[in-house]
Amino acid sequence: MKNKKHHIAIITAALAALFASGCTTPAGQKVQEGNQQANQVMDGVDSANSTANRAADTANTTADTVNKVNETLNRFFK
């Protein structure tokens, strides 16, 4: 019974959000603005995550290069 009530609450909230986002009322417009702002924030988060991943890849590549140089120098100066 608890799960059924939970599902009903989720469906009701989803329908309310859908209705509000399609409305031309001030409340519906605010919902749309909020959704747009949330999407912009998520785009920023995705962009920052992508930049962080590229930086990590660059750091790993640099570390690999340093290790190879060290191995080469160690061979020369054994």
Protein backbone atom coordinates (compact mmCIF):
# COMPACT_ATOMS: atom_id res chain seq x y z
CA MET A 1 0.00 0.00 0.00
CA LYS A 2 2.86 2.36 0.82
CA ASN A 3 4.41 1.90 -2.64
CA LYS A 4 1.07 2.54 -4.33
CA LYS A 5 0.64 5.82 -2.43
CA HIS A 6 4.21 6.74 -3.30
CA HIS A 7 3.59 6.10 -7.00
CA ILE A 8 0.36 8.10 -6.92
CA ALA A 9 2.20 11.02 -5.31
CA ILE A 10 4.94 10.90 -7.96
CA ILE A 11 2.43 10.72 -10.81
CA THR A 12 0.40 13.57 -9.33
CA ALA A 13 3.50 15.74 -8.94
CA ALA A 14 4.60 14.94 -12.49
CA LEU A 15 1.18 15.82 -13.89
CA ALA A 16 1.10 19.05 -11.88
CA ALA A 17 4.54 20.01 -13.18
CA LEU A 18 3.54 19.14 -16.73
CA PHE A 19 0.36 21.20 -16.44
CA ALA A 20 2.16 24.13 -14.83
CA SER A 21 4.92 24.16 -17.43
CA GLY A 22 2.36 24.31 -20.23
CA CYS A 23 0.29 27.04 -18.63
CA THR A 24 0.39 30.65 -19.65
CA THR A 25 -0.34 31.64 -16.07
CA PRO A 26 2.34 33.44 -14.05
CA ALA A 27 2.89 30.23 -12.07
CA GLY A 28 3.40 28.25 -15.26
CA GLN A 29 5.79 30.87 -16.58
CA LYS A 30 7.77 30.76 -13.34
CA VAL A 31 8.03 26.97 -13.64
CA GLN A 32 9.31 27.32 -17.19
CA GLU A 33 11.85 29.95 -16.11
CA GLY A 34 12.97 27.72 -13.25
CA ASN A 35 13.37 24.77 -15.62
CA GLN A 36 15.41 26.89 -18.03
CA GLN A 37 17.66 28.10 -15.24
CA ALA A 38 18.11 24.57 -13.93
CA ASN A 39 19.05 23.42 -17.43
CA GLN A 40 21.59 26.24 -17.71
CA VAL A 41 23.12 25.25 -14.39
CA MET A 42 23.34 21.61 -15.49
CA ASP A 43 24.98 22.70 -18.76
CA GLY A 44 27.55 24.58 -16.68
CA VAL A 45 28.12 21.55 -14.46
CA ASP A 46 28.56 19.31 -17.50
CA SER A 47 31.01 21.77 -19.03
CA ALA A 48 33.01 22.01 -15.80
CA ASN A 49 33.07 18.22 -15.52
CA SER A 50 34.31 17.91 -19.09
CA THR A 51 37.04 20.48 -18.42
CA ALA A 52 38.10 18.66 -15.26
CA ASN A 53 38.28 15.37 -17.17
CA ARG A 54 40.44 16.95 -19.89
CA ALA A 55 42.73 18.43 -17.23
CA ALA A 56 43.06 15.02 -15.58
CA ASP A 57 43.88 13.42 -18.94
CA THR A 58 46.53 16.08 -19.56
CA ALA A 59 48.03 15.52 -16.11
CA ASN A 60 48.15 11.77 -16.71
CA THR A 61 49.80 12.25 -20.10
CA THR A 62 52.36 14.60 -18.55
CA ALA A 63 53.10 12.10 -15.77
CA ASP A 64 53.57 9.33 -18.35
CA THR A 65 55.98 11.53 -20.31
CA VAL A 66 57.97 12.37 -17.18
CA ASN A 67 58.19 8.66 -16.32
CA LYS A 68 59.45 7.82 -19.82
CA VAL A 69 62.08 10.57 -19.64
CA ASN A 70 63.20 9.29 -16.23
CA GLU A 71 63.46 5.73 -17.56
CA THR A 72 65.54 6.94 -20.50
CA LEU A 73 67.83 8.99 -18.25
CA ASN A 74 68.25 6.04 -15.88
CA ARG A 75 69.34 3.85 -18.82
CA PHE A 76 71.94 6.41 -19.89
CA PHE A 77 73.38 6.97 -16.43
CA LYS A 78 73.47 3.41 -15.06
